[in-house]
């Protein structure tokens, strides 16, 4: 009696022959060149979409980081202003705030608008009065001097100006800068403007055009006299070790200062500015994601055409014992390979460009003989970029997910193909 024939074992998932057939389908012959062109465009679309997303998000992250560092490096993190009565006791209040945990610097500030002029030009500026001991501790100023010195700032009655303002007014250390305040002495004919010329003691360059072209620093006592303040200050600016802990610092200042004050922080002063940056970043992410989505849809159309073209091959494979699952996996591998390789290529291209974006900008500016990133419009003197690993992983996972989802329907159609119907007219 013959023994029953043993059942043929099913091939394991993602066996070598499935990868072999999928690889063969990716290398189309000449008569199948149109399908290969679609696959190529799908690959390019995913690669460029992923690269563009990484580059744009990195540049926008760089913008936010650079602007935040520069804004918080010149201005304080917490601002204390007096109410009910002027801040004539600013020395005591400053000393009290300086002892609070997390505070690195508390400094009284006198602020006012004025017209800065030289024999060749003029422009509006914001005059800030600081003590010498304080301006030497502001890293964005003391750490970015290009000419001159801060030594003897209080005694010299000189000014410290930004490099862009110095270039606009054609001034160097030792030259005279004339400041004109709209509110001066009272006369029988009304209020006369106050005009005084100060020697330029130092020139700094923060790298942000708003600060380098519009800020003028005076000694505190001289600023009080220039703006007619009777021994008081505009506010007390507080620098923190961690700018994100402003809520804790504000509560501590409110509890420590034994007089009526108004306490604000950098988020309140720059809420609109950084809010616009965040909205723009989110919108750009959604728009650029459409590039990857369109490329994924190209994978769908390419695979559907491939399934139609290979219907006879699929039928033969089925008659030779290939299961529906094997056919499904063959086309999953075919489509997913385009998405995976395109995503990895886009990842490499995007990271390389994002890391070297300033060098690329400088090269293109030199090549085209134009300024591609004018500081007057973009606030910064260089194109910043900060690659966030978390965002890069998010972009890569999104592209891989879209590419995989795009292969499911064509692969399912291939697996559901009836061999009899496919071979009827062959």
Protein backbone atom coordinates (compact mmCIF):
# COMPACT_ATOMS: atom_id res chain seq x y z
CA UNK A 1 0.00 0.00 0.00
CA UNK A 2 1.48 3.31 -1.06
CA UNK A 3 2.00 5.84 1.67
CA UNK A 4 0.13 9.13 1.30
CA UNK A 5 2.23 11.82 -0.27
CA UNK A 6 3.52 14.34 2.25
CA UNK A 7 2.10 17.86 1.78
CA UNK A 8 4.42 20.36 0.19
CA UNK A 9 5.51 22.80 2.91
CA UNK A 10 4.56 26.42 2.30
CA UNK A 11 7.40 28.82 1.69
CA UNK A 12 8.24 31.13 4.55
CA UNK A 13 7.29 34.78 4.37
CA UNK A 14 9.71 37.05 2.49
CA UNK A 15 11.65 34.08 1.12
CA UNK A 16 14.61 34.64 -1.17
CA UNK A 17 12.61 33.90 -4.35
CA UNK A 18 10.15 36.71 -3.43
CA UNK A 19 13.04 39.19 -3.18
CA UNK A 20 14.46 37.79 -6.44
CA UNK A 21 11.20 38.30 -8.36
CA UNK A 22 10.66 41.76 -6.84
CA UNK A 23 14.17 42.78 -7.85
CA UNK A 24 13.54 41.51 -11.36
CA UNK A 25 10.38 43.62 -11.63
CA UNK A 26 12.33 46.72 -10.56
CA UNK A 27 14.74 46.17 -13.48
CA UNK A 28 12.25 46.60 -16.32
CA UNK A 29 13.11 45.58 -19.87
CA UNK A 30 13.06 48.02 -22.78
CA UNK A 31 9.42 47.31 -23.63
CA UNK A 32 8.51 48.00 -19.99
CA UNK A 33 10.47 51.25 -19.91
CA UNK A 34 7.45 53.42 -19.16
CA UNK A 35 6.90 51.61 -15.86
CA UNK A 36 10.56 52.11 -15.03
CA UNK A 37 10.21 55.83 -15.73
CA UNK A 38 7.27 56.07 -13.32
CA UNK A 39 9.29 54.23 -10.66
CA UNK A 40 12.19 56.62 -11.24
CA UNK A 41 9.99 59.66 -10.82
CA UNK A 42 8.50 58.15 -7.67
CA UNK A 43 12.01 57.63 -6.29
CA UNK A 44 13.02 61.22 -7.15
CA UNK A 45 9.81 62.61 -5.69
CA UNK A 46 10.27 60.86 -2.36
CA UNK A 47 13.98 61.71 -2.22
CA UNK A 48 13.39 65.41 -2.95
CA UNK A 49 10.38 65.57 -0.64
CA UNK A 50 12.25 64.11 2.32
CA UNK A 51 15.35 66.22 1.63
CA UNK A 52 13.30 69.41 1.27
CA UNK A 53 11.43 68.73 4.50
CA UNK A 54 14.65 68.18 6.44
CA UNK A 55 16.31 71.28 4.95
CA UNK A 56 13.35 73.61 5.50
CA UNK A 57 12.68 72.42 9.06
CA UNK A 58 16.39 72.70 9.91
CA UNK A 59 16.61 76.25 8.53
CA UNK A 60 13.47 77.31 10.40
CA UNK A 61 14.81 75.73 13.59
CA UNK A 62 18.04 77.63 13.01
CA UNK A 63 16.10 80.86 12.54
CA UNK A 64 14.25 80.39 15.81
CA UNK A 65 17.36 79.40 17.76
CA UNK A 66 19.50 82.24 16.39
CA UNK A 67 16.81 84.86 16.89
CA UNK A 68 16.06 83.58 20.39
CA UNK A 69 19.73 83.55 21.35
CA UNK A 70 20.34 87.03 19.99
CA UNK A 71 17.17 88.59 21.36
CA UNK A 72 17.69 87.07 24.80
CA UNK A 73 21.41 87.82 24.65
CA UNK A 74 20.80 91.57 24.35
CA UNK A 75 17.48 92.00 26.15
CA UNK A 76 16.67 90.50 29.52
CA UNK A 77 14.42 87.54 30.25
CA UNK A 78 12.31 89.21 32.95
CA UNK A 79 11.42 92.92 33.08
CA UNK A 80 10.49 94.76 36.29
CA UNK A 81 8.82 98.17 35.94
CA UNK A 82 7.61 100.45 38.69
CA UNK A 83 3.99 101.46 39.26
CA UNK A 84 2.47 104.11 41.52
CA UNK A 85 5.89 105.73 41.89
CA UNK A 86 9.11 105.83 39.81
CA UNK A 87 11.91 103.33 40.31
CA UNK A 88 14.13 105.70 42.26
CA UNK A 89 15.02 102.83 44.59
CA UNK A 90 16.34 100.77 41.68
CA UNK A 91 19.65 100.05 43.46
CA UNK A 92 17.91 98.28 46.36
CA UNK A 93 15.47 96.44 44.09
CA UNK A 94 18.32 95.33 41.79
CA UNK A 95 20.34 94.05 44.76
CA UNK A 96 17.32 92.09 46.03
CA UNK A 97 16.61 90.48 42.66
CA UNK A 98 20.30 89.59 42.16
CA UNK A 99 20.17 87.27 45.19
CA UNK A 100 17.31 85.16 43.81
CA UNK A 101 18.13 81.61 42.66
CA UNK A 102 18.57 81.22 38.88
CA UNK A 103 19.33 84.93 38.32
CA UNK A 104 22.65 85.60 36.59
CA UNK A 105 22.31 89.37 36.15
CA UNK A 106 19.91 92.11 37.22
CA UNK A 107 20.57 95.56 35.80
CA UNK A 108 18.74 98.91 35.84
CA UNK A 109 18.07 100.32 32.37
CA UNK A 110 17.08 103.72 31.03
CA UNK A 111 15.50 103.58 27.57
CA UNK A 112 14.46 106.29 25.15
CA UNK A 113 14.23 107.06 21.46
CA UNK A 114 16.50 109.57 19.80
CA UNK A 115 17.89 110.66 16.46
CA UNK A 116 21.51 109.66 15.89
CA UNK A 117 23.40 111.72 13.36
CA UNK A 118 26.86 112.32 11.97
CA UNK A 119 28.10 114.82 9.39
CA UNK A 120 27.09 112.42 6.60
CA UNK A 121 23.92 110.62 7.72
CA UNK A 122 21.23 110.26 10.38
CA UNK A 123 18.75 107.68 11.65
CA UNK A 124 16.43 106.81 14.52
CA UNK A 125 17.88 104.74 17.38
CA UNK A 126 16.93 103.31 20.76
CA UNK A 127 19.22 104.66 23.47
CA UNK A 128 19.84 102.35 26.43
CA UNK A 129 21.56 103.55 29.57
CA UNK A 130 23.56 100.89 31.48
CA UNK A 131 26.18 100.81 34.19
CA UNK A 132 29.69 99.79 33.16
CA UNK A 133 29.62 96.74 35.43
CA UNK A 134 26.40 95.59 33.73
CA UNK A 135 27.30 96.17 30.07
CA UNK A 136 30.49 94.18 30.62
CA UNK A 137 28.35 91.22 31.73
CA UNK A 138 25.97 91.30 28.75
CA UNK A 139 27.55 88.55 26.59
CA UNK A 140 26.12 89.72 23.29
CA UNK A 141 27.76 93.12 23.71
CA UNK A 142 30.95 92.48 25.67
CA UNK A 143 31.68 89.28 23.75
CA UNK A 144 31.21 90.81 20.29
CA UNK A 145 33.28 94.01 20.34
CA UNK A 146 34.84 94.76 16.97
CA UNK A 147 36.55 98.08 17.79
CA UNK A 148 37.26 100.08 20.92
CA UNK A 149 36.89 99.06 24.57
CA UNK A 150 34.36 99.15 27.41
CA UNK A 151 36.98 100.09 29.97
CA UNK A 152 36.08 103.41 31.61
CA UNK A 153 32.59 103.36 30.08
CA UNK A 154 31.03 105.18 33.07
CA UNK A 155 33.66 107.92 33.31
CA UNK A 156 34.17 108.66 29.61
CA UNK A 157 30.61 109.76 28.72
CA UNK A 158 30.99 107.95 25.44
CA UNK A 159 28.63 105.70 23.50
CA UNK A 160 28.79 102.10 22.32
CA UNK A 161 27.11 101.48 18.95
CA UNK A 162 26.47 98.60 16.55
CA UNK A 163 28.61 97.97 13.50
CA UNK A 164 25.79 98.54 11.00
CA UNK A 165 25.00 101.90 12.58
CA UNK A 166 28.69 102.79 12.56
CA UNK A 167 28.88 101.92 8.86
CA UNK A 168 25.71 103.89 8.05
CA UNK A 169 27.01 106.99 9.85
CA UNK A 170 30.66 106.43 8.82
CA UNK A 171 31.85 106.45 12.43
CA UNK A 172 34.78 104.83 14.20
CA UNK A 173 35.95 104.95 17.84
CA UNK A 174 36.88 108.52 18.69
CA UNK A 175 34.41 110.10 16.24
CA UNK A 176 31.46 112.15 17.51
CA UNK A 177 27.87 110.86 17.45
CA UNK A 178 25.16 113.47 17.94
CA UNK A 179 21.99 112.37 19.77
CA UNK A 180 18.81 114.43 19.58
CA UNK A 181 15.95 113.72 21.99
CA UNK A 182 12.53 115.19 21.17
CA UNK A 183 11.82 116.13 24.78
CA UNK A 184 14.27 118.63 26.25
CA UNK A 185 14.14 121.82 28.28
CA UNK A 186 10.96 123.84 28.59
CA UNK A 187 11.13 127.28 26.97
CA UNK A 188 8.61 130.11 26.47
CA UNK A 189 8.15 128.74 22.96
CA UNK A 190 7.53 125.15 24.05
CA UNK A 191 9.71 122.10 24.58
CA UNK A 192 13.09 122.34 22.89
CA UNK A 193 14.81 119.15 21.76
CA UNK A 194 17.89 118.09 23.68
CA UNK A 195 21.01 117.75 21.50
CA UNK A 196 24.38 116.45 22.64
CA UNK A 197 27.44 114.96 20.93
CA UNK A 198 29.18 111.91 22.44
CA UNK A 199 32.44 110.26 21.41
CA UNK A 200 32.18 106.69 20.13
CA UNK A 201 34.02 104.43 22.58
CA UNK A 202 33.36 100.99 21.08
CA UNK A 203 31.63 99.19 18.20
CA UNK A 204 29.96 95.79 18.62
CA UNK A 205 28.43 93.33 16.15
CA UNK A 206 25.76 90.93 17.39
CA UNK A 207 24.91 89.64 13.91
CA UNK A 208 21.25 90.72 14.04
CA UNK A 209 20.58 93.83 11.98
CA UNK A 210 17.91 95.18 14.35
CA UNK A 211 20.43 95.39 17.20
CA UNK A 212 23.50 96.30 15.14
CA UNK A 213 21.78 99.27 13.48
CA UNK A 214 19.38 100.67 16.09
CA UNK A 215 20.87 100.33 19.60
CA UNK A 216 23.07 102.98 21.23
CA UNK A 217 24.44 102.40 24.75
CA UNK A 218 25.12 105.31 27.14
CA UNK A 219 26.37 105.29 30.74
CA UNK A 220 23.39 105.07 33.09
CA UNK A 221 23.93 108.44 34.76
CA UNK A 222 24.40 110.17 31.41
CA UNK A 223 21.23 108.56 30.01
CA UNK A 224 19.26 109.75 33.04
CA UNK A 225 20.52 113.29 32.47
CA UNK A 226 19.93 113.15 28.70
CA UNK A 227 16.30 112.02 29.05
CA UNK A 228 15.61 114.23 32.07
CA UNK A 229 15.00 111.43 34.54
CA UNK A 230 15.18 112.48 38.18
CA UNK A 231 17.23 109.58 39.54
CA UNK A 232 14.92 106.80 38.33
CA UNK A 233 15.15 104.16 35.58
CA UNK A 234 12.79 102.76 32.96
CA UNK A 235 12.99 99.16 34.18
CA UNK A 236 15.19 96.49 35.70
CA UNK A 237 16.14 93.73 33.28
CA UNK A 238 16.81 90.29 34.72
CA UNK A 239 18.86 87.58 32.97
CA UNK A 240 18.20 83.97 33.99
CA UNK A 241 20.33 80.87 33.83
CA UNK A 242 17.43 79.09 32.07
CA UNK A 243 15.20 81.43 30.00
CA UNK A 244 12.42 78.81 29.90
CA UNK A 245 11.89 79.09 33.68
CA UNK A 246 10.47 82.61 33.53
CA UNK A 247 7.27 81.64 35.35
CA UNK A 248 9.22 80.56 38.44
CA UNK A 249 11.41 83.68 38.22
CA UNK A 250 8.43 86.02 37.93
CA UNK A 251 6.81 84.52 41.00
CA UNK A 252 10.09 84.82 42.92
CA UNK A 253 10.51 88.48 41.90
CA UNK A 254 6.93 89.31 42.93
CA UNK A 255 7.51 87.72 46.32
CA UNK A 256 10.93 89.29 46.92
CA UNK A 257 10.36 92.90 45.84
CA UNK A 258 8.68 94.87 48.64
CA UNK A 259 7.12 97.56 46.44
CA UNK A 260 4.47 97.72 43.68
CA UNK A 261 5.96 96.54 40.36
CA UNK A 262 4.84 95.14 37.03
CA UNK A 263 6.71 91.97 36.03
CA UNK A 264 6.74 90.79 32.41
CA UNK A 265 8.94 88.36 30.48
CA UNK A 266 10.48 87.80 27.05
CA UNK A 267 7.61 85.55 25.91
CA UNK A 268 5.07 88.34 26.41
CA UNK A 269 7.22 90.86 24.53
CA UNK A 270 7.95 88.54 21.58
CA UNK A 271 4.79 86.43 21.54
CA UNK A 272 3.61 87.58 18.11
CA UNK A 273 7.05 87.23 16.54
CA UNK A 274 7.71 83.67 17.68
CA UNK A 275 4.05 82.72 17.18
CA UNK A 276 4.30 83.68 13.51
CA UNK A 277 7.48 81.61 13.18
CA UNK A 278 5.73 78.56 14.66
CA UNK A 279 2.67 78.92 12.40
CA UNK A 280 4.89 79.35 9.34
CA UNK A 281 6.89 76.27 10.31
CA UNK A 282 3.74 74.13 10.69
CA UNK A 283 2.30 75.34 7.37
CA UNK A 284 5.56 74.64 5.55
CA UNK A 285 5.63 71.13 7.01
CA UNK A 286 2.11 70.40 5.74
CA UNK A 287 2.79 71.86 2.29
CA UNK A 288 6.04 69.99 1.80
CA UNK A 289 4.50 66.76 3.03
CA UNK A 290 2.32 66.92 -0.09
CA UNK A 291 5.48 66.37 -2.17
CA UNK A 292 6.05 63.05 -0.43
CA UNK A 293 2.33 62.21 -0.77
CA UNK A 294 2.36 62.87 -4.52
CA UNK A 295 5.44 60.68 -4.89
CA UNK A 296 3.70 57.93 -2.94
CA UNK A 297 0.71 58.18 -5.29
CA UNK A 298 3.12 57.74 -8.19
CA UNK A 299 4.15 54.45 -6.57
CA UNK A 300 0.47 53.39 -6.59
CA UNK A 301 0.03 54.18 -10.28
CA UNK A 302 3.34 52.56 -11.21
CA UNK A 303 2.54 49.35 -9.32
CA UNK A 304 -0.98 49.13 -10.77
CA UNK A 305 0.50 49.34 -14.28
CA UNK A 306 3.13 46.77 -13.30
CA UNK A 307 0.46 44.37 -11.99
CA UNK A 308 -1.51 44.75 -15.25
CA UNK A 309 1.63 44.17 -17.32
CA UNK A 310 2.71 41.16 -15.25
CA UNK A 311 -0.69 39.49 -14.98
CA UNK A 312 0.46 36.49 -17.04
CA UNK A 313 3.60 36.13 -14.90
CA UNK A 314 1.47 36.25 -11.75
CA UNK A 315 -0.84 33.57 -13.13
CA UNK A 316 2.12 31.31 -13.97
CA UNK A 317 3.58 31.80 -10.50
CA UNK A 318 0.22 30.90 -8.96
CA UNK A 319 -0.05 27.71 -11.07
CA UNK A 320 3.50 26.79 -9.97
CA UNK A 321 2.46 26.92 -6.31
CA UNK A 322 3.00 30.50 -5.26
CA UNK A 323 0.42 31.53 -2.67
CA UNK A 324 -1.61 34.73 -2.60
CA UNK A 325 0.55 35.85 0.31
CA UNK A 326 3.72 35.35 -1.72
CA UNK A 327 2.35 37.42 -4.61
CA UNK A 328 1.26 40.10 -2.13
CA UNK A 329 4.72 40.23 -0.58
CA UNK A 330 6.46 40.37 -3.98
CA UNK A 331 4.66 43.58 -4.91
CA UNK A 332 4.97 44.95 -1.39
CA UNK A 333 8.73 44.53 -1.68
CA UNK A 334 8.72 46.09 -5.15
CA UNK A 335 6.87 49.24 -4.09
CA UNK A 336 8.42 49.55 -0.64
CA UNK A 337 11.92 49.33 -2.12
CA UNK A 338 11.29 52.51 -4.08
CA UNK A 339 10.05 54.27 -0.94
CA UNK A 340 12.83 53.01 1.36
CA UNK A 341 15.68 53.77 -1.04
CA UNK A 342 14.17 57.16 -1.93
CA UNK A 343 13.73 58.01 1.77
CA UNK A 344 17.30 57.03 2.66
CA UNK A 345 18.66 59.02 -0.30
CA UNK A 346 16.55 62.01 0.74
CA UNK A 347 17.76 61.65 4.32
CA UNK A 348 21.40 61.74 3.23
CA UNK A 349 20.86 64.64 0.82
CA UNK A 350 18.80 66.65 3.30
CA UNK A 351 21.24 66.30 6.20
CA UNK A 352 24.26 67.15 4.03
CA UNK A 353 22.58 70.28 2.62
CA UNK A 354 21.17 71.35 6.00
CA UNK A 355 24.58 71.10 7.68
CA UNK A 356 26.30 73.07 4.89
CA UNK A 357 23.48 75.45 3.96
CA UNK A 358 25.46 78.62 4.79
CA UNK A 359 28.39 77.51 2.60
CA UNK A 360 25.97 76.72 -0.23
CA UNK A 361 24.33 80.15 0.16
CA UNK A 362 27.71 81.89 0.07
CA UNK A 363 28.72 79.92 -3.05
CA UNK A 364 25.46 80.71 -4.87
CA UNK A 365 25.73 84.38 -3.89
CA UNK A 366 29.26 84.49 -5.26
CA UNK A 367 28.21 82.63 -8.41
CA UNK A 368 25.21 84.86 -9.12
CA UNK A 369 26.86 88.05 -7.80
CA UNK A 370 23.73 88.83 -5.75
CA UNK A 371 22.93 88.88 -2.04
CA UNK A 372 20.64 85.86 -1.51
CA UNK A 373 20.11 86.51 2.19
CA UNK A 374 20.08 90.27 2.91
CA UNK A 375 20.33 90.97 6.63
CA UNK A 376 18.03 93.99 6.34
CA UNK A 377 15.09 91.70 5.55
CA UNK A 378 15.90 88.58 7.55
CA UNK A 379 17.44 90.17 10.68
CA UNK A 380 20.41 87.77 10.64
CA UNK A 381 23.72 88.16 8.83
CA UNK A 382 24.01 84.44 7.98
CA UNK A 383 21.65 81.63 7.01
CA UNK A 384 21.24 79.50 10.15
CA UNK A 385 20.44 75.80 10.30
CA UNK A 386 19.88 73.45 13.22
CA UNK A 387 19.19 69.77 12.46
CA UNK A 388 16.80 68.31 15.02
CA UNK A 389 17.24 64.50 15.22
CA UNK A 390 13.66 64.05 16.47
CA UNK A 391 12.22 65.90 13.48
CA UNK A 392 14.47 64.02 11.08
CA UNK A 393 13.22 60.69 12.48
CA UNK A 394 9.63 61.94 12.21
CA UNK A 395 10.10 62.89 8.54
CA UNK A 396 11.75 59.56 7.72
CA UNK A 397 9.04 57.53 9.49
CA UNK A 398 6.30 59.55 7.75
CA UNK A 399 7.86 58.94 4.32
CA UNK A 400 8.33 55.23 5.00
CA UNK A 401 4.74 54.91 6.23
CA UNK A 402 3.29 56.68 3.19
CA UNK A 403 5.43 54.56 0.87
CA UNK A 404 4.31 51.34 2.54
CA UNK A 405 0.64 52.34 2.51
CA UNK A 406 0.91 53.19 -1.18
CA UNK A 407 1.92 49.60 -2.01
CA UNK A 408 -0.91 47.85 -0.16
CA UNK A 409 -3.71 48.30 -2.73
CA UNK A 410 -1.71 47.32 -5.87
CA UNK A 411 -0.20 44.34 -4.03
CA UNK A 412 -3.66 43.26 -2.86
CA UNK A 413 -4.95 43.47 -6.44
CA UNK A 414 -2.06 41.31 -7.64
CA UNK A 415 -2.75 38.72 -4.94
CA UNK A 416 -6.46 38.59 -5.85
CA UNK A 417 -5.74 38.02 -9.56
CA UNK A 418 -7.46 34.90 -10.95
CA UNK A 419 -4.90 32.77 -12.89
CA UNK A 420 -7.62 31.40 -15.23
CA UNK A 421 -8.80 34.88 -16.22
CA UNK A 422 -5.22 36.11 -16.61
CA UNK A 423 -4.22 33.26 -18.97
CA UNK A 424 -7.48 33.06 -20.95
CA UNK A 425 -6.34 35.36 -23.74
CA UNK A 426 -2.62 34.55 -23.65
